[in-house]
Structures are given as structure tokens and as C-alpha cells.
């Protein structure tokens, strides 16, 4: 459980699956959406790519969710009108006084 000041809300977006050419692949055409309350989403980093061909911006956020949240690698997170990819596996932080939480590293790329 996160502290009472954690009042952000995120939406977990999970793809369905379909079989194509004998392989099971993600199907984002009709994803499952789940609202998760009691979160804290904080900025982590922003980078600018200027390689001469494309101007791109990468934005990273760190999200702290209740430790029992139904989130896994491969899901996406919507927050404040933006959709982020979960980078890596969700991690559980064990804390004292029932203050455990799930940490997500989120990334969004534009450009």
C-alpha cells in the first residue's frame, strides 16, 4: 500500500493475442484496459536524438503502483493522456509498515 499522497491514476493496457502463420502474437486492436488508483507517477529522464535524419524525443517516467496491481511486462500504461511502454519487468519493493509497492519504468518515444 502506498501513502495517502499517492493519488495518481493509471490505466493498464494489455493486448489480446492472435495466431498468425502458426505463431501467437500480440493483438492491440482490442486491448483489455484496467484503471489502477492510488499510484504515484514521477518524471525520470528526457533525451533528444539529433542524428541528422530524425529529431526524436524519448521521455521516461517511474510509476509506483500498489504492490498487488495486475501489471506485467508487455503491458502498456496510459497516464495523463500519454501511452508508455513498460521497460523491463515490474519490480516489487518491500517496505516497512505495509508500504510495499510495484515500480514500473516507463518510456515513450516521439519522432
PDB file of N, CA and C in Angstrom:
ATOM      1  N   UNK A   1       0.844  -1.182   0.000  1.00  0.00           N
ATOM      2  CA  UNK A   1       0.000   0.000   0.000  1.00  0.00           C
ATOM      3  C   UNK A   1       0.884   1.239   0.000  1.00  0.00           C
ATOM      4  N   UNK A   2       0.587   2.148  -0.891  1.00  0.00           N
ATOM      5  CA  UNK A   2       1.352   3.382  -0.974  1.00  0.00           C
ATOM      6  C   UNK A   2       0.743   4.432  -0.047  1.00  0.00           C
ATOM      7  N   UNK A   3       1.506   5.455   0.312  1.00  0.00           N
ATOM      8  CA  UNK A   3       0.987   6.511   1.202  1.00  0.00           C
ATOM      9  C   UNK A   3      -0.218   7.239   0.596  1.00  0.00           C
ATOM     10  N   UNK A   4      -0.965   7.922   1.442  1.00  0.00           N
ATOM     11  CA  UNK A   4      -2.192   8.577   1.019  1.00  0.00           C
ATOM     12  C   UNK A   4      -1.961   9.700   0.009  1.00  0.00           C
ATOM     13  N   UNK A   5      -0.741  10.244  -0.082  1.00  0.00           N
ATOM     14  CA  UNK A   5      -0.492  11.303  -1.059  1.00  0.00           C
ATOM     15  C   UNK A   5      -0.333  10.753  -2.483  1.00  0.00           C
ATOM     16  N   UNK A   6      -0.338   9.444  -2.641  1.00  0.00           N
ATOM     17  CA  UNK A   6      -0.241   8.830  -3.968  1.00  0.00           C
ATOM     18  C   UNK A   6      -1.650   8.789  -4.569  1.00  0.00           C
ATOM     19  N   UNK A   7      -1.976   9.809  -5.324  1.00  0.00           N
ATOM     20  CA  UNK A   7      -3.340   9.978  -5.828  1.00  0.00           C
ATOM     21  C   UNK A   7      -3.445   9.896  -7.342  1.00  0.00           C
ATOM     22  N   UNK A   8      -2.363   9.532  -8.021  1.00  0.00           N
ATOM     23  CA  UNK A   8      -2.419   9.413  -9.474  1.00  0.00           C
ATOM     24  C   UNK A   8      -3.201   8.168  -9.869  1.00  0.00           C
ATOM     25  N   UNK A   9      -3.752   8.216 -11.069  1.00  0.00           N
ATOM     26  CA  UNK A   9      -4.500   7.096 -11.628  1.00  0.00           C
ATOM     27  C   UNK A   9      -3.863   6.739 -12.966  1.00  0.00           C
ATOM     28  N   UNK A  10      -3.614   5.451 -13.190  1.00  0.00           N
ATOM     29  CA  UNK A  10      -3.079   4.987 -14.466  1.00  0.00           C
ATOM     30  C   UNK A  10      -4.042   3.957 -15.045  1.00  0.00           C
ATOM     31  N   UNK A  11      -3.903   3.724 -16.337  1.00  0.00           N
ATOM     32  CA  UNK A  11      -4.689   2.683 -16.993  1.00  0.00           C
ATOM     33  C   UNK A  11      -3.726   1.663 -17.558  1.00  0.00           C
ATOM     34  N   UNK A  12      -3.875   0.428 -17.108  1.00  0.00           N
ATOM     35  CA  UNK A  12      -3.059  -0.665 -17.650  1.00  0.00           C
ATOM     36  C   UNK A  12      -3.734  -1.130 -18.939  1.00  0.00           C
ATOM     37  N   UNK A  13      -2.944  -1.216 -20.016  1.00  0.00           N
ATOM     38  CA  UNK A  13      -3.445  -1.658 -21.315  1.00  0.00           C
ATOM     39  C   UNK A  13      -2.736  -2.967 -21.654  1.00  0.00           C
ATOM     40  N   UNK A  14      -3.524  -4.040 -21.793  1.00  0.00           N
ATOM     41  CA  UNK A  14      -2.946  -5.364 -22.066  1.00  0.00           C
ATOM     42  C   UNK A  14      -3.480  -5.875 -23.405  1.00  0.00           C
ATOM     43  N   UNK A  15      -2.592  -6.278 -24.302  1.00  0.00           N
ATOM     44  CA  UNK A  15      -3.058  -6.757 -25.606  1.00  0.00           C
ATOM     45  C   UNK A  15      -3.694  -8.137 -25.506  1.00  0.00           C
ATOM     46  N   UNK A  16      -4.585  -8.396 -26.447  1.00  0.00           N
ATOM     47  CA  UNK A  16      -5.042  -9.768 -26.628  1.00  0.00           C
ATOM     48  C   UNK A  16      -3.978 -10.498 -27.443  1.00  0.00           C
ATOM     49  N   UNK A  17      -4.275 -11.720 -27.821  1.00  0.00           N
ATOM     50  CA  UNK A  17      -3.350 -12.467 -28.673  1.00  0.00           C
ATOM     51  C   UNK A  17      -4.115 -13.054 -29.850  1.00  0.00           C
ATOM     52  N   UNK A  18      -3.377 -13.312 -30.918  1.00  0.00           N
ATOM     53  CA  UNK A  18      -3.947 -13.998 -32.068  1.00  0.00           C
ATOM     54  C   UNK A  18      -2.865 -14.873 -32.679  1.00  0.00           C
ATOM     55  N   UNK A  19      -3.277 -15.831 -33.450  1.00  0.00           N
ATOM     56  CA  UNK A  19      -2.335 -16.722 -34.109  1.00  0.00           C
ATOM     57  C   UNK A  19      -2.202 -16.302 -35.562  1.00  0.00           C
ATOM     58  N   UNK A  20      -0.970 -16.105 -35.966  1.00  0.00           N
ATOM     59  CA  UNK A  20      -0.680 -15.700 -37.341  1.00  0.00           C
ATOM     60  C   UNK A  20       0.492 -16.511 -37.854  1.00  0.00           C
ATOM     61  N   UNK A  21       0.267 -17.253 -38.924  1.00  0.00           N
ATOM     62  CA  UNK A  21       1.299 -18.115 -39.515  1.00  0.00           C
ATOM     63  C   UNK A  21       1.888 -19.084 -38.499  1.00  0.00           C
ATOM     64  N   UNK A  22       1.038 -19.584 -37.613  1.00  0.00           N
ATOM     65  CA  UNK A  22       1.459 -20.576 -36.636  1.00  0.00           C
ATOM     66  C   UNK A  22       2.101 -20.011 -35.379  1.00  0.00           C
ATOM     67  N   UNK A  23       2.208 -18.694 -35.277  1.00  0.00           N
ATOM     68  CA  UNK A  23       2.803 -18.065 -34.098  1.00  0.00           C
ATOM     69  C   UNK A  23       1.764 -17.239 -33.356  1.00  0.00           C
ATOM     70  N   UNK A  24       1.849 -17.234 -32.035  1.00  0.00           N
ATOM     71  CA  UNK A  24       0.979 -16.396 -31.214  1.00  0.00           C
ATOM     72  C   UNK A  24       1.628 -15.037 -31.077  1.00  0.00           C
ATOM     73  N   UNK A  25       0.881 -13.985 -31.450  1.00  0.00           N
ATOM     74  CA  UNK A  25       1.408 -12.622 -31.401  1.00  0.00           C
ATOM     75  C   UNK A  25       0.431 -11.723 -30.655  1.00  0.00           C
ATOM     76  N   UNK A  26       0.931 -10.569 -30.174  1.00  0.00           N
ATOM     77  CA  UNK A  26       0.073  -9.583 -29.523  1.00  0.00           C
ATOM     78  C   UNK A  26      -0.907  -9.013 -30.531  1.00  0.00           C
ATOM     79  N   UNK A  27      -2.129  -8.751 -30.065  1.00  0.00           N
ATOM     80  CA  UNK A  27      -3.163  -8.117 -30.872  1.00  0.00           C
ATOM     81  C   UNK A  27      -3.646  -6.876 -30.127  1.00  0.00           C
ATOM     82  N   UNK A  28      -3.199  -5.700 -30.584  1.00  0.00           N
ATOM     83  CA  UNK A  28      -3.534  -4.444 -29.923  1.00  0.00           C
ATOM     84  C   UNK A  28      -4.845  -3.848 -30.434  1.00  0.00           C
ATOM     85  N   UNK A  29      -5.569  -4.546 -31.310  1.00  0.00           N
ATOM     86  CA  UNK A  29      -6.786  -3.970 -31.885  1.00  0.00           C
ATOM     87  C   UNK A  29      -7.927  -3.854 -30.872  1.00  0.00           C
ATOM     88  N   UNK A  30      -7.945  -4.673 -29.848  1.00  0.00           N
ATOM     89  CA  UNK A  30      -8.992  -4.615 -28.830  1.00  0.00           C
ATOM     90  C   UNK A  30      -8.401  -4.986 -27.463  1.00  0.00           C
ATOM     91  N   UNK A  31      -7.545  -4.106 -26.897  1.00  0.00           N
ATOM     92  CA  UNK A  31      -6.850  -4.449 -25.643  1.00  0.00           C
ATOM     93  C   UNK A  31      -7.767  -4.393 -24.427  1.00  0.00           C
ATOM     94  N   UNK A  32      -7.354  -5.091 -23.381  1.00  0.00           N
ATOM     95  CA  UNK A  32      -8.035  -5.048 -22.083  1.00  0.00           C
ATOM     96  C   UNK A  32      -7.490  -3.839 -21.318  1.00  0.00           C
ATOM     97  N   UNK A  33      -8.395  -3.037 -20.742  1.00  0.00           N
ATOM     98  CA  UNK A  33      -7.992  -1.828 -20.015  1.00  0.00           C
ATOM     99  C   UNK A  33      -8.446  -1.961 -18.567  1.00  0.00           C
ATOM    100  N   UNK A  34      -7.549  -1.595 -17.647  1.00  0.00           N
ATOM    101  CA  UNK A  34      -7.840  -1.669 -16.216  1.00  0.00           C
ATOM    102  C   UNK A  34      -7.353  -0.389 -15.545  1.00  0.00           C
ATOM    103  N   UNK A  35      -8.259   0.311 -14.846  1.00  0.00           N
ATOM    104  CA  UNK A  35      -7.901   1.517 -14.105  1.00  0.00           C
ATOM    105  C   UNK A  35      -7.275   1.103 -12.772  1.00  0.00           C
ATOM    106  N   UNK A  36      -6.116   1.700 -12.457  1.00  0.00           N
ATOM    107  CA  UNK A  36      -5.425   1.431 -11.192  1.00  0.00           C
ATOM    108  C   UNK A  36      -5.279   2.760 -10.462  1.00  0.00           C
ATOM    109  N   UNK A  37      -5.835   2.851  -9.275  1.00  0.00           N
ATOM    110  CA  UNK A  37      -5.797   4.072  -8.476  1.00  0.00           C
ATOM    111  C   UNK A  37      -4.754   3.961  -7.371  1.00  0.00           C
ATOM    112  N   UNK A  38      -4.457   5.096  -6.741  1.00  0.00           N
ATOM    113  CA  UNK A  38      -3.522   5.115  -5.623  1.00  0.00           C
ATOM    114  C   UNK A  38      -2.074   4.981  -6.050  1.00  0.00           C
ATOM    115  N   UNK A  39      -1.733   5.599  -7.193  1.00  0.00           N
ATOM    116  CA  UNK A  39      -0.387   5.497  -7.760  1.00  0.00           C
ATOM    117  C   UNK A  39       0.364   6.819  -7.622  1.00  0.00           C
ATOM    118  N   UNK A  40       1.659   6.771  -7.875  1.00  0.00           N
ATOM    119  CA  UNK A  40       2.486   7.967  -7.970  1.00  0.00           C
ATOM    120  C   UNK A  40       3.339   7.830  -9.217  1.00  0.00           C
ATOM    121  N   UNK A  41       3.212   8.799 -10.141  1.00  0.00           N
ATOM    122  CA  UNK A  41       3.986   8.789 -11.385  1.00  0.00           C
ATOM    123  C   UNK A  41       4.888  10.016 -11.379  1.00  0.00           C
ATOM    124  N   UNK A  42       6.188   9.772 -11.561  1.00  0.00           N
ATOM    125  CA  UNK A  42       7.185  10.837 -11.462  1.00  0.00           C
ATOM    126  C   UNK A  42       8.082  10.853 -12.698  1.00  0.00           C
ATOM    127  N   UNK A  43       8.522  12.044 -13.126  1.00  0.00           N
ATOM    128  CA  UNK A  43       9.446  12.113 -14.266  1.00  0.00           C
ATOM    129  C   UNK A  43      10.782  11.467 -13.924  1.00  0.00           C
ATOM    130  N   UNK A  44      11.388  10.829 -14.939  1.00  0.00           N
ATOM    131  CA  UNK A  44      12.682  10.195 -14.729  1.00  0.00           C
ATOM    132  C   UNK A  44      13.752  10.817 -15.622  1.00  0.00           C
ATOM    133  N   UNK A  45      13.508  10.889 -16.937  1.00  0.00           N
ATOM    134  CA  UNK A  45      14.519  11.449 -17.847  1.00  0.00           C
ATOM    135  C   UNK A  45      13.882  11.795 -19.179  1.00  0.00           C
ATOM    136  N   UNK A  46      14.521  12.698 -19.898  1.00  0.00           N
ATOM    137  CA  UNK A  46      14.144  13.041 -21.262  1.00  0.00           C
ATOM    138  C   UNK A  46      15.429  13.122 -22.075  1.00  0.00           C
ATOM    139  N   UNK A  47      15.407  12.526 -23.268  1.00  0.00           N
ATOM    140  CA  UNK A  47      16.571  12.606 -24.145  1.00  0.00           C
ATOM    141  C   UNK A  47      16.130  13.082 -25.519  1.00  0.00           C
ATOM    142  N   UNK A  48      17.031  13.727 -26.214  1.00  0.00           N
ATOM    143  CA  UNK A  48      16.775  14.265 -27.543  1.00  0.00           C
ATOM    144  C   UNK A  48      17.735  13.611 -28.517  1.00  0.00           C
ATOM    145  N   UNK A  49      17.196  13.059 -29.599  1.00  0.00           N
ATOM    146  CA  UNK A  49      18.019  12.438 -30.632  1.00  0.00           C
ATOM    147  C   UNK A  49      18.089  13.375 -31.828  1.00  0.00           C
ATOM    148  N   UNK A  50      19.305  13.747 -32.227  1.00  0.00           N
ATOM    149  CA  UNK A  50      19.509  14.598 -33.391  1.00  0.00           C
ATOM    150  C   UNK A  50      20.554  13.957 -34.292  1.00  0.00           C
ATOM    151  N   UNK A  51      20.199  12.847 -34.909  1.00  0.00           N
ATOM    152  CA  UNK A  51      21.187  12.121 -35.710  1.00  0.00           C
ATOM    153  C   UNK A  51      21.248  12.598 -37.163  1.00  0.00           C
ATOM    154  N   UNK A  52      20.568  13.705 -37.485  1.00  0.00           N
ATOM    155  CA  UNK A  52      20.620  14.224 -38.844  1.00  0.00           C
ATOM    156  C   UNK A  52      19.476  13.756 -39.718  1.00  0.00           C
ATOM    157  N   UNK A  53      18.846  12.657 -39.356  1.00  0.00           N
ATOM    158  CA  UNK A  53      17.727  12.140 -40.142  1.00  0.00           C
ATOM    159  C   UNK A  53      16.400  12.391 -39.452  1.00  0.00           C
ATOM    160  N   UNK A  54      16.359  12.156 -38.142  1.00  0.00           N
ATOM    161  CA  UNK A  54      15.112  12.237 -37.388  1.00  0.00           C
ATOM    162  C   UNK A  54      15.364  13.001 -36.102  1.00  0.00           C
ATOM    163  N   UNK A  55      14.455  13.887 -35.774  1.00  0.00           N
ATOM    164  CA  UNK A  55      14.503  14.550 -34.483  1.00  0.00           C
ATOM    165  C   UNK A  55      13.522  13.805 -33.591  1.00  0.00           C
ATOM    166  N   UNK A  56      14.015  13.176 -32.557  1.00  0.00           N
ATOM    167  CA  UNK A  56      13.156  12.379 -31.695  1.00  0.00           C
ATOM    168  C   UNK A  56      13.363  12.703 -30.235  1.00  0.00           C
ATOM    169  N   UNK A  57      12.315  12.503 -29.465  1.00  0.00           N
ATOM    170  CA  UNK A  57      12.380  12.732 -28.023  1.00  0.00           C
ATOM    171  C   UNK A  57      11.924  11.470 -27.313  1.00  0.00           C
ATOM    172  N   UNK A  58      12.721  11.041 -26.362  1.00  0.00           N
ATOM    173  CA  UNK A  58      12.379   9.907 -25.509  1.00  0.00           C
ATOM    174  C   UNK A  58      12.089  10.447 -24.112  1.00  0.00           C
ATOM    175  N   UNK A  59      10.941  10.099 -23.575  1.00  0.00           N
ATOM    176  CA  UNK A  59      10.556  10.537 -22.236  1.00  0.00           C
ATOM    177  C   UNK A  59      10.413   9.308 -21.344  1.00  0.00           C
ATOM    178  N   UNK A  60      11.030   9.355 -20.182  1.00  0.00           N
ATOM    179  CA  UNK A  60      10.944   8.250 -19.228  1.00  0.00           C
ATOM    180  C   UNK A  60      10.260   8.715 -17.956  1.00  0.00           C
ATOM    181  N   UNK A  61       9.429   7.848 -17.395  1.00  0.00           N
ATOM    182  CA  UNK A  61       8.731   8.101 -16.145  1.00  0.00           C
ATOM    183  C   UNK A  61       8.929   6.886 -15.241  1.00  0.00           C
ATOM    184  N   UNK A  62       8.818   7.090 -13.950  1.00  0.00           N
ATOM    185  CA  UNK A  62       8.804   5.992 -12.989  1.00  0.00           C
ATOM    186  C   UNK A  62       7.446   6.012 -12.311  1.00  0.00           C
ATOM    187  N   UNK A  63       6.770   4.871 -12.336  1.00  0.00           N
ATOM    188  CA  UNK A  63       5.448   4.770 -11.724  1.00  0.00           C
ATOM    189  C   UNK A  63       5.517   3.816 -10.537  1.00  0.00           C
ATOM    190  N   UNK A  64       4.880   4.230  -9.452  1.00  0.00           N
ATOM    191  CA  UNK A  64       4.770   3.402  -8.249  1.00  0.00           C
ATOM    192  C   UNK A  64       3.298   3.051  -8.083  1.00  0.00           C
ATOM    193  N   UNK A  65       2.997   1.756  -8.099  1.00  0.00           N
ATOM    194  CA  UNK A  65       1.632   1.259  -8.026  1.00  0.00           C
ATOM    195  C   UNK A  65       1.476   0.401  -6.784  1.00  0.00           C
ATOM    196  N   UNK A  66       0.235   0.177  -6.337  1.00  0.00           N
ATOM    197  CA  UNK A  66       0.034  -0.780  -5.253  1.00  0.00           C
ATOM    198  C   UNK A  66       0.672  -2.124  -5.633  1.00  0.00           C
ATOM    199  N   UNK A  67       1.271  -2.792  -4.666  1.00  0.00           N
ATOM    200  CA  UNK A  67       2.056  -3.998  -4.963  1.00  0.00           C
ATOM    201  C   UNK A  67       1.240  -5.162  -5.514  1.00  0.00           C
ATOM    202  N   UNK A  68      -0.079  -5.140  -5.386  1.00  0.00           N
ATOM    203  CA  UNK A  68      -0.912  -6.226  -5.905  1.00  0.00           C
ATOM    204  C   UNK A  68      -1.546  -5.880  -7.256  1.00  0.00           C
ATOM    205  N   UNK A  69      -1.020  -4.862  -7.938  1.00  0.00           N
ATOM    206  CA  UNK A  69      -1.576  -4.432  -9.223  1.00  0.00           C
ATOM    207  C   UNK A  69      -1.380  -5.502 -10.292  1.00  0.00           C
ATOM    208  N   UNK A  70      -2.383  -5.656 -11.156  1.00  0.00           N
ATOM    209  CA  UNK A  70      -2.333  -6.632 -12.246  1.00  0.00           C
ATOM    210  C   UNK A  70      -1.618  -6.009 -13.443  1.00  0.00           C
ATOM    211  N   UNK A  71      -0.287  -6.005 -13.374  1.00  0.00           N
ATOM    212  CA  UNK A  71       0.550  -5.431 -14.419  1.00  0.00           C
ATOM    213  C   UNK A  71       1.708  -6.387 -14.671  1.00  0.00           C
ATOM    214  N   UNK A  72       2.065  -6.568 -15.948  1.00  0.00           N
ATOM    215  CA  UNK A  72       3.206  -7.423 -16.263  1.00  0.00           C
ATOM    216  C   UNK A  72       3.940  -6.883 -17.470  1.00  0.00           C
ATOM    217  N   UNK A  73       5.132  -7.398 -17.714  1.00  0.00           N
ATOM    218  CA  UNK A  73       5.911  -6.995 -18.878  1.00  0.00           C
ATOM    219  C   UNK A  73       5.088  -7.251 -20.132  1.00  0.00           C
ATOM    220  N   UNK A  74       5.164  -6.341 -21.086  1.00  0.00           N
ATOM    221  CA  UNK A  74       4.385  -6.448 -22.321  1.00  0.00           C
ATOM    222  C   UNK A  74       3.148  -5.579 -22.295  1.00  0.00           C
ATOM    223  N   UNK A  75       2.702  -5.173 -21.087  1.00  0.00           N
ATOM    224  CA  UNK A  75       1.575  -4.255 -20.972  1.00  0.00           C
ATOM    225  C   UNK A  75       2.049  -2.846 -21.291  1.00  0.00           C
ATOM    226  N   UNK A  76       1.095  -1.958 -21.478  1.00  0.00           N
ATOM    227  CA  UNK A  76       1.393  -0.536 -21.626  1.00  0.00           C
ATOM    228  C   UNK A  76       0.637   0.214 -20.538  1.00  0.00           C
ATOM    229  N   UNK A  77       1.088   1.420 -20.247  1.00  0.00           N
ATOM    230  CA  UNK A  77       0.460   2.238 -19.217  1.00  0.00           C
ATOM    231  C   UNK A  77       0.038   3.571 -19.826  1.00  0.00           C
ATOM    232  N   UNK A  78      -1.213   3.949 -19.614  1.00  0.00           N
ATOM    233  CA  UNK A  78      -1.681   5.265 -20.021  1.00  0.00           C
ATOM    234  C   UNK A  78      -1.735   6.149 -18.791  1.00  0.00           C
ATOM    235  N   UNK A  79      -1.126   7.335 -18.913  1.00  0.00           N
ATOM    236  CA  UNK A  79      -1.111   8.293 -17.817  1.00  0.00           C
ATOM    237  C   UNK A  79      -1.155   9.694 -18.398  1.00  0.00           C
ATOM    238  N   UNK A  80      -2.040  10.493 -17.919  1.00  0.00           N
ATOM    239  CA  UNK A  80      -2.145  11.893 -18.317  1.00  0.00           C
ATOM    240  C   UNK A  80      -2.250  12.051 -19.833  1.00  0.00           C
ATOM    241  N   UNK A  81      -2.994  11.159 -20.463  1.00  0.00           N
ATOM    242  CA  UNK A  81      -3.219  11.237 -21.905  1.00  0.00           C
ATOM    243  C   UNK A  81      -2.109  10.690 -22.771  1.00  0.00           C
ATOM    244  N   UNK A  82      -1.051  10.146 -22.174  1.00  0.00           N
ATOM    245  CA  UNK A  82       0.074   9.575 -22.915  1.00  0.00           C
ATOM    246  C   UNK A  82       0.148   8.077 -22.660  1.00  0.00           C
ATOM    247  N   UNK A  83       0.581   7.334 -23.677  1.00  0.00           N
ATOM    248  CA  UNK A  83       0.751   5.892 -23.545  1.00  0.00           C
ATOM    249  C   UNK A  83       2.240   5.568 -23.505  1.00  0.00           C
ATOM    250  N   UNK A  84       2.635   4.835 -22.468  1.00  0.00           N
ATOM    251  CA  UNK A  84       4.033   4.471 -22.235  1.00  0.00           C
ATOM    252  C   UNK A  84       4.215   2.960 -22.329  1.00  0.00           C
ATOM    253  N   UNK A  85       5.380   2.554 -22.788  1.00  0.00           N
ATOM    254  CA  UNK A  85       5.773   1.152 -22.782  1.00  0.00           C
ATOM    255  C   UNK A  85       6.470   0.853 -21.466  1.00  0.00           C
ATOM    256  N   UNK A  86       6.171  -0.298 -20.882  1.00  0.00           N
ATOM    257  CA  UNK A  86       6.887  -0.723 -19.679  1.00  0.00           C
ATOM    258  C   UNK A  86       8.240  -1.260 -20.116  1.00  0.00           C
ATOM    259  N   UNK A  87       9.302  -0.656 -19.601  1.00  0.00           N
ATOM    260  CA  UNK A  87      10.656  -1.061 -19.933  1.00  0.00           C
ATOM    261  C   UNK A  87      11.131  -2.037 -18.868  1.00  0.00           C
ATOM    262  N   UNK A  88      11.314  -3.300 -19.242  1.00  0.00           N
ATOM    263  CA  UNK A  88      11.739  -4.315 -18.274  1.00  0.00           C
ATOM    264  C   UNK A  88      10.554  -4.899 -17.520  1.00  0.00           C
ATOM    265  N   UNK A  89      10.872  -5.616 -16.473  1.00  0.00           N
ATOM    266  CA  UNK A  89       9.867  -6.280 -15.635  1.00  0.00           C
ATOM    267  C   UNK A  89       9.402  -5.364 -14.511  1.00  0.00           C
ATOM    268  N   UNK A  90       8.126  -5.413 -14.155  1.00  0.00           N
ATOM    269  CA  UNK A  90       7.687  -4.719 -12.935  1.00  0.00           C
ATOM    270  C   UNK A  90       8.425  -5.300 -11.727  1.00  0.00           C
ATOM    271  N   UNK A  91       8.826  -4.447 -10.807  1.00  0.00           N
ATOM    272  CA  UNK A  91       9.568  -4.871  -9.614  1.00  0.00           C
ATOM    273  C   UNK A  91       8.784  -4.523  -8.354  1.00  0.00           C
ATOM    274  N   UNK A  92       8.790  -5.434  -7.394  1.00  0.00           N
ATOM    275  CA  UNK A  92       8.120  -5.210  -6.110  1.00  0.00           C
ATOM    276  C   UNK A  92       9.147  -4.737  -5.095  1.00  0.00           C
ATOM    277  N   UNK A  93       8.859  -3.593  -4.484  1.00  0.00           N
ATOM    278  CA  UNK A  93       9.676  -3.058  -3.395  1.00  0.00           C
ATOM    279  C   UNK A  93       8.969  -3.428  -2.098  1.00  0.00           C
ATOM    280  N   UNK A  94       9.662  -4.156  -1.230  1.00  0.00           N
ATOM    281  CA  UNK A  94       9.109  -4.499   0.081  1.00  0.00           C
ATOM    282  C   UNK A  94       9.480  -3.403   1.055  1.00  0.00           C
ATOM    283  N   UNK A  95       8.491  -2.846   1.722  1.00  0.00           N
ATOM    284  CA  UNK A  95       8.739  -1.756   2.641  1.00  0.00           C
ATOM    285  C   UNK A  95       8.193  -2.046   4.023  1.00  0.00           C
ATOM    286  N   UNK A  96       8.666  -1.307   5.001  1.00  0.00           N
ATOM    287  CA  UNK A  96       8.171  -1.481   6.363  1.00  0.00           C
ATOM    288  C   UNK A  96       6.772  -0.886   6.504  1.00  0.00           C
ATOM    289  N   UNK A  97       6.081  -1.282   7.539  1.00  0.00           N
ATOM    290  CA  UNK A  97       4.779  -0.710   7.877  1.00  0.00           C
ATOM    291  C   UNK A  97       3.777  -0.807   6.724  1.00  0.00           C
ATOM    292  N   UNK A  98       3.772  -1.941   6.034  1.00  0.00           N
ATOM    293  CA  UNK A  98       2.816  -2.180   4.952  1.00  0.00           C
ATOM    294  C   UNK A  98       2.935  -1.132   3.846  1.00  0.00           C
ATOM    295  N   UNK A  99       4.151  -0.746   3.479  1.00  0.00           N
ATOM    296  CA  UNK A  99       4.381   0.284   2.469  1.00  0.00           C
ATOM    297  C   UNK A  99       4.999  -0.292   1.194  1.00  0.00           C
ATOM    298  N   UNK A 100       4.737  -1.553   0.884  1.00  0.00           N
ATOM    299  CA  UNK A 100       5.285  -2.162  -0.326  1.00  0.00           C
ATOM    300  C   UNK A 100       4.621  -1.561  -1.561  1.00  0.00           C
ATOM    301  N   UNK A 101       5.339  -1.594  -2.687  1.00  0.00           N
ATOM    302  CA  UNK A 101       4.783  -1.075  -3.925  1.00  0.00           C
ATOM    303  C   UNK A 101       5.434  -1.741  -5.128  1.00  0.00           C
ATOM    304  N   UNK A 102       4.806  -1.555  -6.275  1.00  0.00           N
ATOM    305  CA  UNK A 102       5.340  -2.053  -7.532  1.00  0.00           C
ATOM    306  C   UNK A 102       5.931  -0.869  -8.285  1.00  0.00           C
ATOM    307  N   UNK A 103       7.162  -1.037  -8.781  1.00  0.00           N
ATOM    308  CA  UNK A 103       7.809   0.014  -9.561  1.00  0.00           C
ATOM    309  C   UNK A 103       7.817  -0.369 -11.031  1.00  0.00           C
ATOM    310  N   UNK A 104       7.420   0.590 -11.875  1.00  0.00           N
ATOM    311  CA  UNK A 104       7.462   0.412 -13.321  1.00  0.00           C
ATOM    312  C   UNK A 104       8.346   1.494 -13.925  1.00  0.00           C
ATOM    313  N   UNK A 105       9.213   1.100 -14.831  1.00  0.00           N
ATOM    314  CA  UNK A 105       9.981   2.055 -15.620  1.00  0.00           C
ATOM    315  C   UNK A 105       9.246   2.204 -16.947  1.00  0.00           C
ATOM    316  N   UNK A 106       8.846   3.431 -17.279  1.00  0.00           N
ATOM    317  CA  UNK A 106       8.011   3.693 -18.456  1.00  0.00           C
ATOM    318  C   UNK A 106       8.782   4.555 -19.457  1.00  0.00           C
ATOM    319  N   UNK A 107       8.557   4.290 -20.753  1.00  0.00           N
ATOM    320  CA  UNK A 107       9.204   5.057 -21.802  1.00  0.00           C
ATOM    321  C   UNK A 107       8.212   5.358 -22.918  1.00  0.00           C
ATOM    322  N   UNK A 108       8.313   6.570 -23.434  1.00  0.00           N
ATOM    323  CA  UNK A 108       7.508   6.991 -24.593  1.00  0.00           C
ATOM    324  C   UNK A 108       8.456   7.640 -25.590  1.00  0.00           C
ATOM    325  N   UNK A 109       8.332   7.296 -26.857  1.00  0.00           N
ATOM    326  CA  UNK A 109       9.186   7.842 -27.903  1.00  0.00           C
ATOM    327  C   UNK A 109       8.333   8.600 -28.914  1.00  0.00           C
ATOM    328  N   UNK A 110       8.769   9.802 -29.254  1.00  0.00           N
ATOM    329  CA  UNK A 110       8.105  10.584 -30.295  1.00  0.00           C
ATOM    330  C   UNK A 110       9.134  11.059 -31.294  1.00  0.00           C
ATOM    331  N   UNK A 111       8.805  10.932 -32.574  1.00  0.00           N
ATOM    332  CA  UNK A 111       9.710  11.437 -33.591  1.00  0.00           C
ATOM    333  C   UNK A 111      10.053  10.432 -34.635  1.00  0.00           C
TER     334      UNK A 111
END
